């Protein structure tokens, strides 16, 4: 399984809010890292790039 590592907490929150759970969360080199399945995160990554990243509050 291929994974992606996200260090942007807003982006990781966007993925989580849209139903994608991280495979792992850890602290490395002074930053939090959220690791997601690459294939499952791809549609959300596309939405993120298209500025569809408005989180619901």
N, C-alpha and C. Protein backbone atom coordinates (compact mmCIF):
# COMPACT_ATOMS: atom_id res chain seq x y z
N UNK A 1 0.85 -1.18 0.00
CA UNK A 1 0.00 0.00 0.00
C UNK A 1 0.89 1.24 0.00
N UNK A 2 0.58 2.17 -0.88
CA UNK A 2 1.29 3.44 -0.92
C UNK A 2 0.59 4.43 0.01
N UNK A 3 1.38 5.25 0.65
CA UNK A 3 0.83 6.24 1.57
C UNK A 3 1.33 7.63 1.22
N UNK A 4 0.64 8.63 1.74
CA UNK A 4 1.08 10.02 1.65
C UNK A 4 1.19 10.56 3.06
N UNK A 5 2.16 11.42 3.26
CA UNK A 5 2.37 12.04 4.56
C UNK A 5 2.01 13.51 4.45
N UNK A 6 1.11 13.95 5.30
CA UNK A 6 0.61 15.32 5.30
C UNK A 6 1.11 16.01 6.56
N UNK A 7 1.71 17.19 6.40
CA UNK A 7 2.17 17.95 7.57
C UNK A 7 1.34 19.21 7.80
N UNK A 8 0.43 19.49 6.88
CA UNK A 8 -0.45 20.65 7.02
C UNK A 8 -1.68 20.22 7.83
N UNK A 9 -1.83 20.73 9.06
CA UNK A 9 -2.95 20.29 9.89
C UNK A 9 -4.32 20.65 9.32
N UNK A 10 -4.41 21.73 8.55
CA UNK A 10 -5.69 22.10 7.94
C UNK A 10 -6.06 21.08 6.86
N UNK A 11 -5.09 20.68 6.06
CA UNK A 11 -5.33 19.68 5.02
C UNK A 11 -5.68 18.33 5.65
N UNK A 12 -4.97 17.93 6.68
CA UNK A 12 -5.28 16.67 7.37
C UNK A 12 -6.68 16.72 7.96
N UNK A 13 -7.07 17.87 8.52
CA UNK A 13 -8.41 18.03 9.07
C UNK A 13 -9.47 17.95 8.00
N UNK A 14 -9.19 18.50 6.82
CA UNK A 14 -10.11 18.43 5.68
C UNK A 14 -10.33 16.97 5.28
N UNK A 15 -9.26 16.20 5.21
CA UNK A 15 -9.38 14.78 4.87
C UNK A 15 -10.23 14.07 5.93
N UNK A 16 -9.92 14.31 7.19
CA UNK A 16 -10.62 13.65 8.29
C UNK A 16 -12.11 14.02 8.28
N UNK A 17 -12.39 15.31 8.09
CA UNK A 17 -13.77 15.78 8.09
C UNK A 17 -14.58 15.16 6.95
N UNK A 18 -13.91 14.80 5.89
CA UNK A 18 -14.57 14.20 4.74
C UNK A 18 -14.51 12.67 4.78
N UNK A 19 -14.27 12.12 5.95
CA UNK A 19 -14.42 10.69 6.17
C UNK A 19 -13.18 9.83 6.01
N UNK A 20 -12.04 10.43 5.72
CA UNK A 20 -10.82 9.64 5.55
C UNK A 20 -10.04 9.64 6.86
N UNK A 21 -9.86 8.47 7.41
CA UNK A 21 -9.14 8.34 8.68
C UNK A 21 -7.65 8.11 8.40
N UNK A 22 -6.78 8.74 9.16
CA UNK A 22 -5.34 8.52 8.95
C UNK A 22 -4.94 7.11 9.36
N UNK A 23 -3.95 6.58 8.65
CA UNK A 23 -3.41 5.27 9.01
C UNK A 23 -2.51 5.40 10.23
N UNK A 24 -1.89 6.56 10.37
CA UNK A 24 -0.98 6.80 11.49
C UNK A 24 -0.86 8.30 11.70
N UNK A 25 -0.60 8.69 12.93
CA UNK A 25 -0.30 10.08 13.29
C UNK A 25 0.91 10.02 14.19
N UNK A 26 1.93 10.81 13.87
CA UNK A 26 3.14 10.79 14.69
C UNK A 26 3.84 12.15 14.62
N UNK A 27 4.77 12.35 15.53
CA UNK A 27 5.53 13.59 15.62
C UNK A 27 6.94 13.30 15.12
N UNK A 28 7.42 14.07 14.13
CA UNK A 28 8.73 13.83 13.56
C UNK A 28 9.38 15.16 13.17
N UNK A 29 10.61 15.34 13.57
CA UNK A 29 11.39 16.54 13.21
C UNK A 29 10.66 17.83 13.56
N UNK A 30 10.00 17.82 14.70
CA UNK A 30 9.32 19.02 15.18
C UNK A 30 7.97 19.29 14.58
N UNK A 31 7.41 18.33 13.83
CA UNK A 31 6.10 18.53 13.19
C UNK A 31 5.24 17.29 13.35
N UNK A 32 3.92 17.52 13.42
CA UNK A 32 2.98 16.42 13.39
C UNK A 32 2.83 15.94 11.95
N UNK A 33 2.72 14.63 11.79
CA UNK A 33 2.57 14.02 10.46
C UNK A 33 1.35 13.13 10.49
N UNK A 34 0.48 13.30 9.50
CA UNK A 34 -0.69 12.43 9.32
C UNK A 34 -0.44 11.61 8.08
N UNK A 35 -0.54 10.29 8.20
CA UNK A 35 -0.27 9.40 7.07
C UNK A 35 -1.59 8.79 6.59
N UNK A 36 -1.85 8.94 5.28
CA UNK A 36 -3.09 8.46 4.68
C UNK A 36 -2.78 7.50 3.53
N UNK A 37 -3.75 6.64 3.22
CA UNK A 37 -3.66 5.78 2.04
C UNK A 37 -3.68 6.67 0.79
N UNK A 38 -2.73 6.47 -0.09
CA UNK A 38 -2.60 7.35 -1.27
C UNK A 38 -3.81 7.26 -2.20
N UNK A 39 -4.26 6.05 -2.51
CA UNK A 39 -5.39 5.89 -3.43
C UNK A 39 -6.68 6.46 -2.85
N UNK A 40 -6.91 6.21 -1.57
CA UNK A 40 -8.14 6.70 -0.94
C UNK A 40 -8.13 8.22 -0.79
N UNK A 41 -6.96 8.80 -0.62
CA UNK A 41 -6.88 10.25 -0.41
C UNK A 41 -6.88 11.03 -1.72
N UNK A 42 -6.66 10.37 -2.85
CA UNK A 42 -6.53 11.09 -4.12
C UNK A 42 -7.72 11.97 -4.47
N UNK A 43 -8.98 11.50 -4.35
CA UNK A 43 -10.11 12.40 -4.66
C UNK A 43 -10.14 13.64 -3.76
N UNK A 44 -9.79 13.46 -2.50
CA UNK A 44 -9.77 14.61 -1.58
C UNK A 44 -8.61 15.55 -1.91
N UNK A 45 -7.49 14.99 -2.33
CA UNK A 45 -6.35 15.81 -2.73
C UNK A 45 -6.73 16.67 -3.94
N UNK A 46 -7.46 16.09 -4.89
CA UNK A 46 -7.92 16.86 -6.05
C UNK A 46 -8.84 17.99 -5.61
N UNK A 47 -9.76 17.71 -4.70
CA UNK A 47 -10.64 18.76 -4.17
C UNK A 47 -9.82 19.83 -3.46
N UNK A 48 -8.80 19.42 -2.71
CA UNK A 48 -7.93 20.35 -1.99
C UNK A 48 -7.24 21.29 -2.99
N UNK A 49 -6.72 20.73 -4.08
CA UNK A 49 -6.04 21.54 -5.09
C UNK A 49 -7.00 22.50 -5.80
N UNK A 50 -8.26 22.11 -5.91
CA UNK A 50 -9.26 22.95 -6.56
C UNK A 50 -9.91 23.94 -5.60
N UNK A 51 -9.29 24.12 -4.44
CA UNK A 51 -9.78 25.06 -3.43
C UNK A 51 -11.16 24.72 -2.91
N UNK A 52 -11.50 23.45 -2.89
CA UNK A 52 -12.77 23.00 -2.33
C UNK A 52 -12.55 22.56 -0.88
N UNK A 53 -11.68 23.26 -0.20
CA UNK A 53 -11.25 22.85 1.13
C UNK A 53 -11.91 23.64 2.25
N UNK A 54 -13.10 24.12 2.02
CA UNK A 54 -13.80 24.85 3.08
C UNK A 54 -14.31 23.85 4.11
N UNK A 55 -13.81 23.98 5.32
CA UNK A 55 -14.22 23.07 6.38
C UNK A 55 -15.54 23.54 6.98
N UNK A 56 -16.35 22.59 7.39
CA UNK A 56 -17.63 22.91 8.04
C UNK A 56 -17.38 23.16 9.52
N UNK A 57 -17.94 24.23 10.04
CA UNK A 57 -17.79 24.51 11.48
C UNK A 57 -19.13 24.58 12.12
